[in-house]
N, C-alpha and C. Protein backbone atom coordinates (compact mmCIF):
# COMPACT_ATOMS: atom_id res chain seq x y z
N MET A 1 86.07 87.85 136.82
CA MET A 1 87.15 88.70 136.32
C MET A 1 87.00 90.09 136.92
N ARG A 2 88.07 90.60 137.49
CA ARG A 2 88.04 91.90 138.14
C ARG A 2 88.39 93.03 137.20
N GLY A 3 88.96 92.72 136.05
CA GLY A 3 89.34 93.77 135.11
C GLY A 3 90.69 94.39 135.39
N ASP A 4 91.48 93.77 136.24
CA ASP A 4 92.82 94.29 136.50
C ASP A 4 93.72 94.10 135.29
N VAL A 5 94.49 95.11 134.99
CA VAL A 5 95.41 95.05 133.86
C VAL A 5 96.75 95.63 134.29
N ASP A 6 97.80 94.96 133.92
CA ASP A 6 99.14 95.49 134.12
C ASP A 6 99.71 95.85 132.76
N LEU A 7 100.38 96.96 132.71
CA LEU A 7 101.04 97.41 131.49
C LEU A 7 102.54 97.28 131.68
N VAL A 8 103.18 96.56 130.78
CA VAL A 8 104.62 96.38 130.83
C VAL A 8 105.23 97.14 129.66
N VAL A 9 106.13 98.05 129.96
CA VAL A 9 106.79 98.85 128.93
C VAL A 9 108.30 98.67 129.07
N ALA A 10 108.97 98.44 127.96
CA ALA A 10 110.43 98.33 127.97
C ALA A 10 110.99 99.27 126.91
N ASP A 11 112.03 99.98 127.25
CA ASP A 11 112.67 100.92 126.33
C ASP A 11 113.63 100.16 125.42
N ASP A 12 113.35 100.18 124.12
CA ASP A 12 114.24 99.52 123.16
C ASP A 12 115.34 100.46 122.68
N GLU A 13 115.31 101.69 123.17
CA GLU A 13 116.32 102.70 122.83
C GLU A 13 116.45 102.92 121.32
N SER A 14 115.40 102.57 120.58
CA SER A 14 115.40 102.67 119.11
C SER A 14 116.57 101.92 118.49
N ASP A 15 116.95 100.83 119.12
CA ASP A 15 118.10 100.05 118.68
C ASP A 15 117.70 98.57 118.55
N PRO A 16 117.90 97.97 117.38
CA PRO A 16 117.51 96.57 117.19
C PRO A 16 118.17 95.60 118.18
N ARG A 17 119.43 95.86 118.54
CA ARG A 17 120.11 94.96 119.50
C ARG A 17 119.44 95.03 120.88
N THR A 18 119.10 96.23 121.31
CA THR A 18 118.42 96.39 122.59
C THR A 18 117.04 95.74 122.53
N LEU A 19 116.34 95.94 121.43
CA LEU A 19 115.03 95.32 121.25
C LEU A 19 115.13 93.81 121.38
N LYS A 20 116.12 93.20 120.73
CA LYS A 20 116.30 91.75 120.82
C LYS A 20 116.54 91.30 122.26
N ALA A 21 117.19 92.16 123.04
CA ALA A 21 117.48 91.81 124.43
C ALA A 21 116.26 91.94 125.34
N VAL A 22 115.41 92.96 125.12
CA VAL A 22 114.31 93.21 126.05
C VAL A 22 112.99 92.55 125.65
N LEU A 23 112.76 92.34 124.37
CA LEU A 23 111.45 91.84 123.93
C LEU A 23 111.11 90.44 124.47
N PRO A 24 112.03 89.50 124.53
CA PRO A 24 111.66 88.19 125.08
C PRO A 24 111.16 88.26 126.52
N GLY A 25 111.75 89.12 127.34
CA GLY A 25 111.29 89.27 128.72
C GLY A 25 109.90 89.87 128.80
N VAL A 26 109.63 90.84 127.94
CA VAL A 26 108.30 91.45 127.90
C VAL A 26 107.28 90.41 127.42
N ALA A 27 107.62 89.69 126.37
CA ALA A 27 106.70 88.69 125.80
C ALA A 27 106.36 87.61 126.83
N ALA A 28 107.32 87.24 127.66
CA ALA A 28 107.08 86.20 128.67
C ALA A 28 106.07 86.66 129.73
N ARG A 29 105.92 87.96 129.90
CA ARG A 29 105.04 88.51 130.94
C ARG A 29 103.70 89.00 130.41
N CYS A 30 103.46 88.92 129.07
CA CYS A 30 102.29 89.57 128.49
C CYS A 30 101.37 88.60 127.75
N ASP A 31 100.07 88.90 127.81
CA ASP A 31 99.09 88.18 127.02
C ASP A 31 98.91 88.83 125.66
N VAL A 32 99.05 90.15 125.60
CA VAL A 32 98.95 90.91 124.36
C VAL A 32 100.28 91.64 124.18
N LEU A 33 100.92 91.40 123.06
CA LEU A 33 102.25 91.95 122.81
C LEU A 33 102.17 92.98 121.69
N LEU A 34 102.50 94.23 122.04
CA LEU A 34 102.51 95.32 121.05
C LEU A 34 103.93 95.56 120.58
N GLY A 35 104.09 95.74 119.29
CA GLY A 35 105.41 95.95 118.71
C GLY A 35 105.92 97.36 118.91
N PRO A 36 107.16 97.59 118.51
CA PRO A 36 107.79 98.90 118.66
C PRO A 36 107.33 99.88 117.58
N TYR A 37 107.71 101.13 117.78
CA TYR A 37 107.41 102.17 116.79
C TYR A 37 108.58 102.30 115.83
N SER A 38 108.40 101.95 114.61
CA SER A 38 109.32 102.14 113.50
C SER A 38 109.33 100.88 112.66
N THR A 39 109.36 101.08 111.36
CA THR A 39 109.42 99.95 110.44
C THR A 39 110.71 99.16 110.67
N HIS A 40 111.80 99.86 110.87
CA HIS A 40 113.10 99.21 111.08
C HIS A 40 113.05 98.27 112.29
N LEU A 41 112.51 98.75 113.40
CA LEU A 41 112.44 97.91 114.60
C LEU A 41 111.39 96.81 114.47
N MET A 42 110.32 97.07 113.73
CA MET A 42 109.30 96.04 113.54
C MET A 42 109.84 94.87 112.73
N LYS A 43 110.79 95.12 111.86
CA LYS A 43 111.41 94.01 111.12
C LYS A 43 112.08 93.06 112.11
N THR A 44 112.80 93.61 113.07
CA THR A 44 113.47 92.80 114.09
C THR A 44 112.45 92.11 114.98
N ALA A 45 111.45 92.86 115.44
CA ALA A 45 110.42 92.29 116.33
C ALA A 45 109.63 91.20 115.61
N GLY A 46 109.30 91.41 114.34
CA GLY A 46 108.58 90.41 113.57
C GLY A 46 109.36 89.12 113.43
N GLN A 47 110.65 89.24 113.20
CA GLN A 47 111.50 88.05 113.10
C GLN A 47 111.53 87.30 114.43
N LEU A 48 111.65 88.05 115.53
CA LEU A 48 111.61 87.41 116.86
C LEU A 48 110.27 86.71 117.08
N ALA A 49 109.18 87.35 116.71
CA ALA A 49 107.85 86.76 116.88
C ALA A 49 107.73 85.46 116.10
N ALA A 50 108.23 85.46 114.87
CA ALA A 50 108.18 84.25 114.04
C ALA A 50 109.06 83.15 114.64
N ASP A 51 110.25 83.52 115.09
CA ASP A 51 111.18 82.54 115.67
C ASP A 51 110.64 81.92 116.96
N GLU A 52 109.95 82.72 117.77
CA GLU A 52 109.49 82.28 119.09
C GLU A 52 108.03 81.82 119.11
N GLY A 53 107.31 82.01 118.00
CA GLY A 53 105.91 81.59 117.95
C GLY A 53 104.95 82.56 118.62
N TRP A 54 105.33 83.84 118.72
CA TRP A 54 104.46 84.85 119.34
C TRP A 54 103.52 85.44 118.30
N LEU A 55 102.47 86.08 118.80
CA LEU A 55 101.61 86.93 118.00
C LEU A 55 101.90 88.36 118.44
N LEU A 56 102.33 89.18 117.51
CA LEU A 56 102.76 90.55 117.78
C LEU A 56 101.84 91.53 117.06
N TRP A 57 101.27 92.47 117.81
CA TRP A 57 100.40 93.49 117.22
C TRP A 57 101.27 94.65 116.78
N ASN A 58 101.29 94.92 115.49
CA ASN A 58 102.10 95.99 114.92
C ASN A 58 101.26 97.25 114.83
N HIS A 59 101.67 98.26 115.57
CA HIS A 59 100.96 99.55 115.54
C HIS A 59 101.91 100.69 115.20
N GLY A 60 103.16 100.38 114.87
CA GLY A 60 104.11 101.46 114.66
C GLY A 60 105.09 101.27 113.53
N GLY A 61 104.98 100.23 112.75
CA GLY A 61 105.88 100.02 111.63
C GLY A 61 105.08 99.72 110.38
N SER A 62 104.89 100.71 109.52
CA SER A 62 103.96 100.53 108.41
C SER A 62 104.62 100.24 107.07
N GLY A 63 105.92 100.01 107.05
CA GLY A 63 106.58 99.68 105.80
C GLY A 63 105.98 98.44 105.17
N ASP A 64 105.86 98.45 103.85
CA ASP A 64 105.26 97.31 103.15
C ASP A 64 105.99 96.02 103.46
N ASP A 65 107.30 96.09 103.65
CA ASP A 65 108.07 94.89 103.92
C ASP A 65 107.72 94.28 105.28
N VAL A 66 107.26 95.08 106.25
CA VAL A 66 106.82 94.57 107.55
C VAL A 66 105.46 93.91 107.42
N GLU A 67 104.60 94.51 106.61
CA GLU A 67 103.23 94.03 106.48
C GLU A 67 103.15 92.56 106.04
N ALA A 68 104.05 92.15 105.19
CA ALA A 68 103.96 90.81 104.62
C ALA A 68 105.04 89.84 105.11
N ALA A 69 105.90 90.28 105.99
CA ALA A 69 107.09 89.50 106.32
C ALA A 69 106.83 88.23 107.13
N HIS A 70 105.93 88.25 108.08
CA HIS A 70 105.78 87.11 108.99
C HIS A 70 104.31 86.73 109.18
N PRO A 71 103.70 86.15 108.14
CA PRO A 71 102.28 85.78 108.24
C PRO A 71 102.03 84.88 109.44
N GLY A 72 100.95 85.17 110.14
CA GLY A 72 100.59 84.36 111.29
C GLY A 72 101.24 84.81 112.58
N HIS A 73 102.19 85.74 112.51
CA HIS A 73 102.88 86.20 113.72
C HIS A 73 102.77 87.69 113.95
N VAL A 74 102.40 88.45 112.92
CA VAL A 74 102.28 89.90 113.04
C VAL A 74 100.91 90.33 112.51
N VAL A 75 100.18 91.05 113.35
CA VAL A 75 98.90 91.63 112.96
C VAL A 75 99.10 93.13 112.89
N SER A 76 98.93 93.70 111.72
CA SER A 76 99.14 95.13 111.54
C SER A 76 97.82 95.88 111.62
N VAL A 77 97.84 96.97 112.35
CA VAL A 77 96.65 97.81 112.45
C VAL A 77 96.82 99.09 111.63
N LEU A 78 97.93 99.21 110.95
CA LEU A 78 98.25 100.40 110.17
C LEU A 78 98.00 100.17 108.68
N THR A 79 97.81 101.27 107.97
CA THR A 79 97.77 101.21 106.52
C THR A 79 99.21 101.04 106.04
N PRO A 80 99.46 100.11 105.12
CA PRO A 80 100.81 99.97 104.57
C PRO A 80 101.25 101.26 103.87
N THR A 81 102.54 101.55 103.92
CA THR A 81 103.05 102.80 103.36
C THR A 81 102.68 102.99 101.90
N SER A 82 102.62 101.93 101.14
CA SER A 82 102.32 102.08 99.71
C SER A 82 100.89 102.55 99.47
N ARG A 83 100.06 102.54 100.52
CA ARG A 83 98.67 102.99 100.37
C ARG A 83 98.40 104.30 101.09
N TYR A 84 99.41 104.95 101.66
CA TYR A 84 99.21 106.21 102.39
C TYR A 84 98.50 107.26 101.54
N SER A 85 98.83 107.34 100.29
CA SER A 85 98.30 108.41 99.44
C SER A 85 96.92 108.11 98.86
N GLU A 86 96.40 106.93 99.08
CA GLU A 86 95.17 106.52 98.40
C GLU A 86 93.98 107.46 98.62
N PRO A 87 93.65 107.88 99.85
CA PRO A 87 92.50 108.80 99.99
C PRO A 87 92.72 110.12 99.24
N PHE A 88 93.93 110.66 99.31
CA PHE A 88 94.25 111.90 98.62
C PHE A 88 94.10 111.72 97.11
N LEU A 89 94.60 110.61 96.57
CA LEU A 89 94.55 110.38 95.13
C LEU A 89 93.12 110.11 94.66
N ARG A 90 92.32 109.46 95.47
CA ARG A 90 90.90 109.27 95.11
C ARG A 90 90.21 110.63 95.04
N HIS A 91 90.57 111.52 95.94
CA HIS A 91 90.03 112.88 95.90
C HIS A 91 90.45 113.58 94.61
N LEU A 92 91.73 113.44 94.24
CA LEU A 92 92.21 114.05 92.99
C LEU A 92 91.51 113.45 91.77
N ALA A 93 91.25 112.16 91.83
CA ALA A 93 90.60 111.50 90.68
C ALA A 93 89.21 112.06 90.43
N ASP A 94 88.57 112.56 91.49
CA ASP A 94 87.25 113.17 91.35
C ASP A 94 87.33 114.60 90.82
N ASP A 95 88.54 115.17 90.81
CA ASP A 95 88.77 116.54 90.34
C ASP A 95 88.71 116.53 88.81
N HIS A 96 87.83 117.31 88.25
CA HIS A 96 87.65 117.30 86.80
C HIS A 96 88.76 118.02 86.05
N ASP A 97 89.63 118.75 86.76
CA ASP A 97 90.75 119.45 86.10
C ASP A 97 91.85 118.48 85.67
N ARG A 98 91.86 117.29 86.24
CA ARG A 98 92.90 116.30 85.95
C ARG A 98 94.30 116.89 86.08
N ALA A 99 94.58 117.35 87.27
CA ALA A 99 95.89 117.93 87.56
C ALA A 99 96.97 116.86 87.48
N THR A 100 98.18 117.30 87.23
CA THR A 100 99.34 116.42 87.27
C THR A 100 99.81 116.30 88.71
N LEU A 101 100.15 115.10 89.12
CA LEU A 101 100.66 114.86 90.46
C LEU A 101 102.19 114.80 90.40
N TRP A 102 102.85 115.71 91.08
CA TRP A 102 104.31 115.72 91.17
C TRP A 102 104.67 115.03 92.47
N ILE A 103 105.36 113.93 92.38
CA ILE A 103 105.73 113.15 93.56
C ILE A 103 107.20 113.46 93.87
N VAL A 104 107.42 114.05 95.05
CA VAL A 104 108.77 114.43 95.47
C VAL A 104 109.18 113.46 96.57
N ARG A 105 110.20 112.66 96.28
CA ARG A 105 110.63 111.62 97.21
C ARG A 105 111.94 112.00 97.87
N GLY A 106 111.99 111.80 99.18
CA GLY A 106 113.23 111.97 99.92
C GLY A 106 114.04 110.69 99.90
N THR A 107 115.03 110.62 100.76
CA THR A 107 115.86 109.43 100.85
C THR A 107 115.22 108.41 101.78
N GLY A 108 115.63 107.18 101.69
CA GLY A 108 115.17 106.14 102.60
C GLY A 108 114.10 105.26 101.99
N SER A 109 113.99 104.04 102.53
CA SER A 109 113.04 103.06 101.99
C SER A 109 111.60 103.46 102.26
N PHE A 110 111.33 104.13 103.39
CA PHE A 110 109.97 104.56 103.70
C PHE A 110 109.46 105.50 102.61
N GLY A 111 110.24 106.53 102.27
CA GLY A 111 109.86 107.47 101.22
C GLY A 111 109.72 106.81 99.87
N ARG A 112 110.60 105.85 99.56
CA ARG A 112 110.51 105.12 98.29
C ARG A 112 109.21 104.33 98.22
N GLN A 113 108.83 103.67 99.32
CA GLN A 113 107.60 102.88 99.32
C GLN A 113 106.37 103.76 99.17
N VAL A 114 106.35 104.90 99.87
CA VAL A 114 105.21 105.81 99.76
C VAL A 114 105.11 106.35 98.33
N ALA A 115 106.25 106.77 97.77
CA ALA A 115 106.26 107.33 96.41
C ALA A 115 105.85 106.28 95.37
N ALA A 116 106.38 105.08 95.48
CA ALA A 116 106.03 104.03 94.52
C ALA A 116 104.54 103.69 94.60
N GLY A 117 104.02 103.62 95.81
CA GLY A 117 102.59 103.36 95.97
C GLY A 117 101.73 104.47 95.38
N ALA A 118 102.14 105.71 95.61
CA ALA A 118 101.39 106.85 95.05
C ALA A 118 101.39 106.78 93.53
N GLU A 119 102.52 106.44 92.96
CA GLU A 119 102.61 106.36 91.50
C GLU A 119 101.72 105.24 90.95
N ARG A 120 101.72 104.07 91.59
CA ARG A 120 100.87 102.95 91.15
C ARG A 120 99.39 103.29 91.26
N ILE A 121 99.00 103.87 92.38
CA ILE A 121 97.58 104.21 92.58
C ILE A 121 97.15 105.28 91.59
N ALA A 122 98.01 106.29 91.40
CA ALA A 122 97.69 107.37 90.44
C ALA A 122 97.49 106.80 89.05
N ALA A 123 98.35 105.89 88.64
CA ALA A 123 98.22 105.28 87.31
C ALA A 123 96.90 104.53 87.19
N ARG A 124 96.55 103.79 88.23
CA ARG A 124 95.30 103.04 88.22
C ARG A 124 94.09 103.97 88.13
N LEU A 125 94.21 105.18 88.71
CA LEU A 125 93.11 106.15 88.71
C LEU A 125 93.16 107.10 87.51
N GLY A 126 94.16 106.95 86.65
CA GLY A 126 94.26 107.80 85.47
C GLY A 126 94.81 109.19 85.74
N ILE A 127 95.60 109.33 86.80
CA ILE A 127 96.21 110.61 87.15
C ILE A 127 97.64 110.63 86.62
N ALA A 128 97.98 111.65 85.86
CA ALA A 128 99.34 111.79 85.35
C ALA A 128 100.29 112.11 86.50
N THR A 129 101.50 111.54 86.46
CA THR A 129 102.48 111.79 87.52
C THR A 129 103.83 112.18 86.93
N VAL A 130 104.58 112.90 87.73
CA VAL A 130 105.98 113.21 87.45
C VAL A 130 106.71 112.95 88.76
N ARG A 131 107.78 112.16 88.72
CA ARG A 131 108.56 111.87 89.92
C ARG A 131 109.77 112.77 89.98
N LEU A 132 110.00 113.31 91.16
CA LEU A 132 111.18 114.13 91.40
C LEU A 132 111.97 113.52 92.55
N GLY A 133 113.28 113.66 92.47
CA GLY A 133 114.14 113.19 93.54
C GLY A 133 114.39 114.29 94.56
N PRO A 134 115.13 113.96 95.62
CA PRO A 134 115.36 114.91 96.70
C PRO A 134 116.05 116.21 96.25
N GLU A 135 116.86 116.15 95.22
CA GLU A 135 117.61 117.32 94.79
C GLU A 135 117.00 118.04 93.59
N ASP A 136 115.92 117.49 93.03
CA ASP A 136 115.31 118.09 91.85
C ASP A 136 114.57 119.38 92.20
N GLU A 137 114.50 120.27 91.23
CA GLU A 137 113.81 121.54 91.42
C GLU A 137 112.31 121.35 91.29
N LEU A 138 111.56 122.06 92.12
CA LEU A 138 110.11 121.98 92.06
C LEU A 138 109.59 122.71 90.83
N PRO A 139 108.47 122.25 90.28
CA PRO A 139 107.90 122.88 89.09
C PRO A 139 107.19 124.20 89.43
N SER A 140 106.97 124.97 88.41
CA SER A 140 106.10 126.14 88.58
C SER A 140 104.86 125.88 87.71
N ALA A 141 103.71 126.15 88.26
CA ALA A 141 102.46 125.87 87.54
C ALA A 141 101.91 127.14 86.93
N GLY A 142 101.48 127.02 85.71
CA GLY A 142 100.81 128.13 85.05
C GLY A 142 99.31 127.93 85.15
N PRO A 143 98.53 128.91 84.71
CA PRO A 143 97.08 128.80 84.83
C PRO A 143 96.49 127.62 84.06
N SER A 144 97.15 127.17 83.00
CA SER A 144 96.60 126.06 82.24
C SER A 144 97.17 124.71 82.69
N GLN A 145 98.05 124.72 83.67
CA GLN A 145 98.69 123.48 84.13
C GLN A 145 98.53 123.32 85.64
N PRO A 146 97.34 122.89 86.11
CA PRO A 146 97.21 122.67 87.55
C PRO A 146 98.04 121.46 87.98
N TRP A 147 98.57 121.49 89.17
CA TRP A 147 99.34 120.37 89.69
C TRP A 147 99.22 120.31 91.19
N HIS A 148 99.53 119.16 91.72
CA HIS A 148 99.54 118.93 93.16
C HIS A 148 100.87 118.28 93.50
N LEU A 149 101.39 118.61 94.66
CA LEU A 149 102.63 118.00 95.13
C LEU A 149 102.32 116.99 96.22
N PHE A 150 103.02 115.89 96.19
CA PHE A 150 102.90 114.88 97.24
C PHE A 150 104.33 114.57 97.68
N PHE A 151 104.65 114.91 98.93
CA PHE A 151 106.01 114.72 99.44
C PHE A 151 106.09 113.41 100.20
N CYS A 152 107.18 112.69 99.99
CA CYS A 152 107.42 111.42 100.67
C CYS A 152 108.80 111.50 101.31
N ARG A 153 108.85 111.65 102.62
CA ARG A 153 110.12 111.83 103.32
C ARG A 153 110.33 110.76 104.35
N GLN A 154 111.56 110.42 104.56
CA GLN A 154 111.96 109.56 105.67
C GLN A 154 112.32 110.49 106.82
N LEU A 155 111.64 110.36 107.94
CA LEU A 155 111.93 111.18 109.10
C LEU A 155 112.89 110.43 110.00
N ARG A 156 113.90 111.08 110.45
CA ARG A 156 114.86 110.50 111.39
C ARG A 156 114.71 111.22 112.72
N GLY A 157 114.81 110.50 113.79
CA GLY A 157 114.66 111.19 115.06
C GLY A 157 115.10 110.46 116.22
């Protein structure tokens, strides 16, 4: 083995239709198939992988729905969105002040999954939470009421 490697890259234009058109050609030329960046596109790529019998390495779509959608065809190297807050919340759980966690969620399924996961983990760790929506006013903390904010936003780009 000489160690030669070819890298094949195809632009999916961040569009599921384009991804459906280009991914089969890339898959036919590759031994290791890496998925696209975005949960939305990984849903499409995962379905293609399941339909065609491919193994697809997911490194860019961390939505919980992608993580479990196509067992045996998608290997995820990312933390699922519902667990993004876990290290932060474990840190808070060690805080003896027992601050309230204010979870501010933006629009979109990504933000909903992150916020729901944060709320579940906080409950399991005994951390009080308050959920706020995108239009809700932020709280003001007094000296006897410590709090932490955790923002969950869907980024578009």
